[in-house]
Amino acid sequence: MRLILSLILPFLTFFTIGKPISGIFCLILQITLIGWIPATIWSVYALSQYNTDKKIAKSVAVAR
């Protein structure tokens, strides 16, 4: 669901993963038509990093 959100409204993805400052900056970038593509790419990348961090944290918690 977050992936679809990051493609349609990239700035909202940052708010859902707990990075509101990045979300505001992404919104400013997204306002321009040219900035929409970089904002989308940045949003998808941030989402993948968030998912990776969650998996690492889960595996560390299980190992303890």
PDB file of N, CA and C in Angstrom:
ATOM      1  N   MET A   1       0.820  -1.195   0.000  1.00  0.00           N
ATOM      2  CA  MET A   1       0.000   0.000   0.000  1.00  0.00           C
ATOM      3  C   MET A   1       0.865   1.261   0.000  1.00  0.00           C
ATOM      4  N   ARG A   2       1.943   1.215   0.790  1.00  0.00           N
ATOM      5  CA  ARG A   2       2.835   2.380   0.829  1.00  0.00           C
ATOM      6  C   ARG A   2       3.532   2.604  -0.501  1.00  0.00           C
ATOM      7  N   LEU A   3       3.785   1.528  -1.234  1.00  0.00           N
ATOM      8  CA  LEU A   3       4.431   1.680  -2.535  1.00  0.00           C
ATOM      9  C   LEU A   3       3.521   2.423  -3.507  1.00  0.00           C
ATOM     10  N   ILE A   4       2.255   2.103  -3.509  1.00  0.00           N
ATOM     11  CA  ILE A   4       1.304   2.817  -4.366  1.00  0.00           C
ATOM     12  C   ILE A   4       1.221   4.279  -3.935  1.00  0.00           C
ATOM     13  N   LEU A   5       1.218   4.501  -2.627  1.00  0.00           N
ATOM     14  CA  LEU A   5       1.182   5.864  -2.104  1.00  0.00           C
ATOM     15  C   LEU A   5       2.427   6.638  -2.519  1.00  0.00           C
ATOM     16  N   SER A   6       3.583   5.971  -2.512  1.00  0.00           N
ATOM     17  CA  SER A   6       4.813   6.669  -2.888  1.00  0.00           C
ATOM     18  C   SER A   6       4.865   6.999  -4.375  1.00  0.00           C
ATOM     19  N   LEU A   7       4.124   6.280  -5.182  1.00  0.00           N
ATOM     20  CA  LEU A   7       4.071   6.593  -6.612  1.00  0.00           C
ATOM     21  C   LEU A   7       3.079   7.708  -6.919  1.00  0.00           C
ATOM     22  N   ILE A   8       1.990   7.765  -6.166  1.00  0.00           N
ATOM     23  CA  ILE A   8       0.954   8.758  -6.439  1.00  0.00           C
ATOM     24  C   ILE A   8       1.226  10.069  -5.697  1.00  0.00           C
ATOM     25  N   LEU A   9       1.458   9.975  -4.399  1.00  0.00           N
ATOM     26  CA  LEU A   9       1.739  11.146  -3.550  1.00  0.00           C
ATOM     27  C   LEU A   9       3.001  10.883  -2.736  1.00  0.00           C
ATOM     28  N   PRO A  10       4.159  11.127  -3.325  1.00  0.00           N
ATOM     29  CA  PRO A  10       5.416  10.757  -2.676  1.00  0.00           C
ATOM     30  C   PRO A  10       5.628  11.367  -1.288  1.00  0.00           C
ATOM     31  N   PHE A  11       5.179  12.580  -1.069  1.00  0.00           N
ATOM     32  CA  PHE A  11       5.459  13.221   0.213  1.00  0.00           C
ATOM     33  C   PHE A  11       4.746  12.525   1.375  1.00  0.00           C
ATOM     34  N   LEU A  12       3.603  11.901   1.120  1.00  0.00           N
ATOM     35  CA  LEU A  12       2.872  11.228   2.190  1.00  0.00           C
ATOM     36  C   LEU A  12       3.602   9.990   2.708  1.00  0.00           C
ATOM     37  N   THR A  13       4.419   9.389   1.868  1.00  0.00           N
ATOM     38  CA  THR A  13       5.183   8.220   2.292  1.00  0.00           C
ATOM     39  C   THR A  13       6.107   8.566   3.446  1.00  0.00           C
ATOM     40  N   PHE A  14       6.724   9.737   3.388  1.00  0.00           N
ATOM     41  CA  PHE A  14       7.644  10.137   4.444  1.00  0.00           C
ATOM     42  C   PHE A  14       6.916  10.348   5.771  1.00  0.00           C
ATOM     43  N   PHE A  15       5.695  10.832   5.705  1.00  0.00           N
ATOM     44  CA  PHE A  15       4.921  11.002   6.933  1.00  0.00           C
ATOM     45  C   PHE A  15       4.534   9.652   7.529  1.00  0.00           C
ATOM     46  N   THR A  16       4.273   8.650   6.695  1.00  0.00           N
ATOM     47  CA  THR A  16       3.888   7.337   7.209  1.00  0.00           C
ATOM     48  C   THR A  16       5.064   6.564   7.790  1.00  0.00           C
ATOM     49  N   ILE A  17       6.293   6.877   7.354  1.00  0.00           N
ATOM     50  CA  ILE A  17       7.450   6.177   7.916  1.00  0.00           C
ATOM     51  C   ILE A  17       8.132   6.985   9.011  1.00  0.00           C
ATOM     52  N   GLY A  18       7.538   8.107   9.396  1.00  0.00           N
ATOM     53  CA  GLY A  18       8.043   8.869  10.533  1.00  0.00           C
ATOM     54  C   GLY A  18       9.140   9.864  10.226  1.00  0.00           C
ATOM     55  N   LYS A  19       9.143  10.427   9.027  1.00  0.00           N
ATOM     56  CA  LYS A  19      10.137  11.434   8.639  1.00  0.00           C
ATOM     57  C   LYS A  19       9.421  12.673   8.103  1.00  0.00           C
ATOM     58  N   PRO A  20       8.841  13.477   9.001  1.00  0.00           N
ATOM     59  CA  PRO A  20       8.038  14.610   8.537  1.00  0.00           C
ATOM     60  C   PRO A  20       8.846  15.722   7.880  1.00  0.00           C
ATOM     61  N   ILE A  21      10.081  15.950   8.305  1.00  0.00           N
ATOM     62  CA  ILE A  21      10.900  16.997   7.682  1.00  0.00           C
ATOM     63  C   ILE A  21      11.194  16.632   6.225  1.00  0.00           C
ATOM     64  N   SER A  22      11.531  15.386   5.988  1.00  0.00           N
ATOM     65  CA  SER A  22      11.752  14.926   4.615  1.00  0.00           C
ATOM     66  C   SER A  22      10.463  15.004   3.808  1.00  0.00           C
ATOM     67  N   GLY A  23       9.337  14.759   4.468  1.00  0.00           N
ATOM     68  CA  GLY A  23       8.050  14.853   3.794  1.00  0.00           C
ATOM     69  C   GLY A  23       7.740  16.261   3.329  1.00  0.00           C
ATOM     70  N   ILE A  24       8.073  17.244   4.148  1.00  0.00           N
ATOM     71  CA  ILE A  24       7.846  18.641   3.767  1.00  0.00           C
ATOM     72  C   ILE A  24       8.756  19.030   2.604  1.00  0.00           C
ATOM     73  N   PHE A  25      10.018  18.620   2.689  1.00  0.00           N
ATOM     74  CA  PHE A  25      10.948  18.917   1.600  1.00  0.00           C
ATOM     75  C   PHE A  25      10.511  18.226   0.309  1.00  0.00           C
ATOM     76  N   CYS A  26      10.029  16.998   0.427  1.00  0.00           N
ATOM     77  CA  CYS A  26       9.550  16.269  -0.746  1.00  0.00           C
ATOM     78  C   CYS A  26       8.317  16.944  -1.342  1.00  0.00           C
ATOM     79  N   LEU A  27       7.459  17.473  -0.500  1.00  0.00           N
ATOM     80  CA  LEU A  27       6.281  18.190  -0.989  1.00  0.00           C
ATOM     81  C   LEU A  27       6.693  19.415  -1.784  1.00  0.00           C
ATOM     82  N   ILE A  28       7.681  20.144  -1.290  1.00  0.00           N
ATOM     83  CA  ILE A  28       8.175  21.323  -2.013  1.00  0.00           C
ATOM     84  C   ILE A  28       8.763  20.898  -3.363  1.00  0.00           C
ATOM     85  N   LEU A  29       9.493  19.789  -3.365  1.00  0.00           N
ATOM     86  CA  LEU A  29      10.059  19.276  -4.608  1.00  0.00           C
ATOM     87  C   LEU A  29       8.960  18.792  -5.552  1.00  0.00           C
ATOM     88  N   GLN A  30       7.931  18.190  -4.988  1.00  0.00           N
ATOM     89  CA  GLN A  30       6.852  17.620  -5.785  1.00  0.00           C
ATOM     90  C   GLN A  30       5.951  18.678  -6.407  1.00  0.00           C
ATOM     91  N   ILE A  31       5.907  19.858  -5.845  1.00  0.00           N
ATOM     92  CA  ILE A  31       5.043  20.919  -6.370  1.00  0.00           C
ATOM     93  C   ILE A  31       5.395  21.250  -7.820  1.00  0.00           C
ATOM     94  N   THR A  32       6.664  21.208  -8.144  1.00  0.00           N
ATOM     95  CA  THR A  32       7.060  21.458  -9.529  1.00  0.00           C
ATOM     96  C   THR A  32       6.857  20.183 -10.343  1.00  0.00           C
ATOM     97  N   LEU A  33       6.468  20.336 -11.572  1.00  0.00           N
ATOM     98  CA  LEU A  33       6.224  19.179 -12.423  1.00  0.00           C
ATOM     99  C   LEU A  33       7.513  18.415 -12.693  1.00  0.00           C
ATOM    100  N   ILE A  34       8.615  19.131 -12.848  1.00  0.00           N
ATOM    101  CA  ILE A  34       9.902  18.484 -13.092  1.00  0.00           C
ATOM    102  C   ILE A  34      10.372  17.740 -11.843  1.00  0.00           C
ATOM    103  N   GLY A  35      10.027  18.247 -10.674  1.00  0.00           N
ATOM    104  CA  GLY A  35      10.457  17.627  -9.431  1.00  0.00           C
ATOM    105  C   GLY A  35       9.666  16.403  -9.028  1.00  0.00           C
ATOM    106  N   TRP A  36       8.576  16.128  -9.737  1.00  0.00           N
ATOM    107  CA  TRP A  36       7.739  14.981  -9.386  1.00  0.00           C
ATOM    108  C   TRP A  36       8.498  13.661  -9.535  1.00  0.00           C
ATOM    109  N   ILE A  37       9.246  13.513 -10.613  1.00  0.00           N
ATOM    110  CA  ILE A  37       9.993  12.270 -10.860  1.00  0.00           C
ATOM    111  C   ILE A  37      11.068  12.044  -9.795  1.00  0.00           C
ATOM    112  N   PRO A  38      11.927  13.032  -9.491  1.00  0.00           N
ATOM    113  CA  PRO A  38      12.900  12.809  -8.417  1.00  0.00           C
ATOM    114  C   PRO A  38      12.242  12.569  -7.059  1.00  0.00           C
ATOM    115  N   ALA A  39      11.122  13.228  -6.792  1.00  0.00           N
ATOM    116  CA  ALA A  39      10.420  13.020  -5.522  1.00  0.00           C
ATOM    117  C   ALA A  39       9.902  11.591  -5.432  1.00  0.00           C
ATOM    118  N   THR A  40       9.397  11.057  -6.525  1.00  0.00           N
ATOM    119  CA  THR A  40       8.909   9.688  -6.544  1.00  0.00           C
ATOM    120  C   THR A  40      10.045   8.692  -6.353  1.00  0.00           C
ATOM    121  N   ILE A  41      11.144   8.917  -7.037  1.00  0.00           N
ATOM    122  CA  ILE A  41      12.303   8.034  -6.896  1.00  0.00           C
ATOM    123  C   ILE A  41      12.828   8.069  -5.469  1.00  0.00           C
ATOM    124  N   TRP A  42      12.932   9.249  -4.893  1.00  0.00           N
ATOM    125  CA  TRP A  42      13.400   9.407  -3.524  1.00  0.00           C
ATOM    126  C   TRP A  42      12.452   8.708  -2.551  1.00  0.00           C
ATOM    127  N   SER A  43      11.177   8.829  -2.777  1.00  0.00           N
ATOM    128  CA  SER A  43      10.180   8.216  -1.909  1.00  0.00           C
ATOM    129  C   SER A  43      10.257   6.688  -1.951  1.00  0.00           C
ATOM    130  N   VAL A  44      10.381   6.124  -3.134  1.00  0.00           N
ATOM    131  CA  VAL A  44      10.487   4.670  -3.263  1.00  0.00           C
ATOM    132  C   VAL A  44      11.779   4.178  -2.617  1.00  0.00           C
ATOM    133  N   TYR A  45      12.866   4.908  -2.798  1.00  0.00           N
ATOM    134  CA  TYR A  45      14.141   4.536  -2.181  1.00  0.00           C
ATOM    135  C   TYR A  45      14.046   4.594  -0.657  1.00  0.00           C
ATOM    136  N   ALA A  46      13.455   5.654  -0.123  1.00  0.00           N
ATOM    137  CA  ALA A  46      13.306   5.780   1.330  1.00  0.00           C
ATOM    138  C   ALA A  46      12.427   4.674   1.888  1.00  0.00           C
ATOM    139  N   LEU A  47      11.399   4.302   1.156  1.00  0.00           N
ATOM    140  CA  LEU A  47      10.519   3.220   1.585  1.00  0.00           C
ATOM    141  C   LEU A  47      11.263   1.889   1.613  1.00  0.00           C
ATOM    142  N   SER A  48      12.096   1.646   0.620  1.00  0.00           N
ATOM    143  CA  SER A  48      12.854   0.389   0.611  1.00  0.00           C
ATOM    144  C   SER A  48      13.862   0.356   1.751  1.00  0.00           C
ATOM    145  N   GLN A  49      14.484   1.495   2.056  1.00  0.00           N
ATOM    146  CA  GLN A  49      15.404   1.555   3.194  1.00  0.00           C
ATOM    147  C   GLN A  49      14.672   1.339   4.512  1.00  0.00           C
ATOM    148  N   TYR A  50      13.481   1.879   4.635  1.00  0.00           N
ATOM    149  CA  TYR A  50      12.665   1.701   5.830  1.00  0.00           C
ATOM    150  C   TYR A  50      12.316   0.232   6.024  1.00  0.00           C
ATOM    151  N   ASN A  51      11.922  -0.435   4.940  1.00  0.00           N
ATOM    152  CA  ASN A  51      11.588  -1.858   5.033  1.00  0.00           C
ATOM    153  C   ASN A  51      12.808  -2.691   5.391  1.00  0.00           C
ATOM    154  N   THR A  52      13.961  -2.357   4.843  1.00  0.00           N
ATOM    155  CA  THR A  52      15.194  -3.068   5.163  1.00  0.00           C
ATOM    156  C   THR A  52      15.563  -2.881   6.633  1.00  0.00           C
ATOM    157  N   ASP A  53      15.451  -1.669   7.131  1.00  0.00           N
ATOM    158  CA  ASP A  53      15.749  -1.413   8.538  1.00  0.00           C
ATOM    159  C   ASP A  53      14.808  -2.178   9.458  1.00  0.00           C
ATOM    160  N   LYS A  54      13.539  -2.287   9.084  1.00  0.00           N
ATOM    161  CA  LYS A  54      12.581  -3.048   9.887  1.00  0.00           C
ATOM    162  C   LYS A  54      12.953  -4.535   9.914  1.00  0.00           C
ATOM    163  N   LYS A  55      13.379  -5.086   8.782  1.00  0.00           N
ATOM    164  CA  LYS A  55      13.770  -6.491   8.727  1.00  0.00           C
ATOM    165  C   LYS A  55      15.014  -6.749   9.562  1.00  0.00           C
ATOM    166  N   ILE A  56      15.979  -5.839   9.510  1.00  0.00           N
ATOM    167  CA  ILE A  56      17.198  -5.987  10.300  1.00  0.00           C
ATOM    168  C   ILE A  56      16.875  -5.924  11.784  1.00  0.00           C
ATOM    169  N   ALA A  57      16.042  -4.998  12.180  1.00  0.00           N
ATOM    170  CA  ALA A  57      15.658  -4.870  13.584  1.00  0.00           C
ATOM    171  C   ALA A  57      14.917  -6.124  14.057  1.00  0.00           C
ATOM    172  N   LYS A  58      14.091  -6.682  13.199  1.00  0.00           N
ATOM    173  CA  LYS A  58      13.362  -7.896  13.552  1.00  0.00           C
ATOM    174  C   LYS A  58      14.306  -9.069  13.723  1.00  0.00           C
ATOM    175  N   SER A  59      15.289  -9.197  12.836  1.00  0.00           N
ATOM    176  CA  SER A  59      16.220 -10.319  12.928  1.00  0.00           C
ATOM    177  C   SER A  59      17.154 -10.188  14.130  1.00  0.00           C
ATOM    178  N   VAL A  60      17.496  -8.968  14.492  1.00  0.00           N
ATOM    179  CA  VAL A  60      18.325  -8.760  15.674  1.00  0.00           C
ATOM    180  C   VAL A  60      17.531  -9.079  16.941  1.00  0.00           C
ATOM    181  N   ALA A  61      16.259  -8.732  16.954  1.00  0.00           N
ATOM    182  CA  ALA A  61      15.413  -9.023  18.104  1.00  0.00           C
ATOM    183  C   ALA A  61      15.208 -10.523  18.274  1.00  0.00           C
ATOM    184  N   VAL A  62      15.103 -11.246  17.181  1.00  0.00           N
ATOM    185  CA  VAL A  62      14.925 -12.698  17.243  1.00  0.00           C
ATOM    186  C   VAL A  62      16.209 -13.374  17.709  1.00  0.00           C
ATOM    187  N   ALA A  63      17.360 -12.829  17.314  1.00  0.00           N
ATOM    188  CA  ALA A  63      18.646 -13.427  17.665  1.00  0.00           C
ATOM    189  C   ALA A  63      18.955 -13.287  19.152  1.00  0.00           C
ATOM    190  N   ARG A  64      18.353 -12.345  19.817  1.00  0.00           N
ATOM    191  CA  ARG A  64      18.634 -12.147  21.247  1.00  0.00           C
ATOM    192  C   ARG A  64      17.897 -13.091  22.087  1.00  0.00           C
TER     193      ARG A  64
END
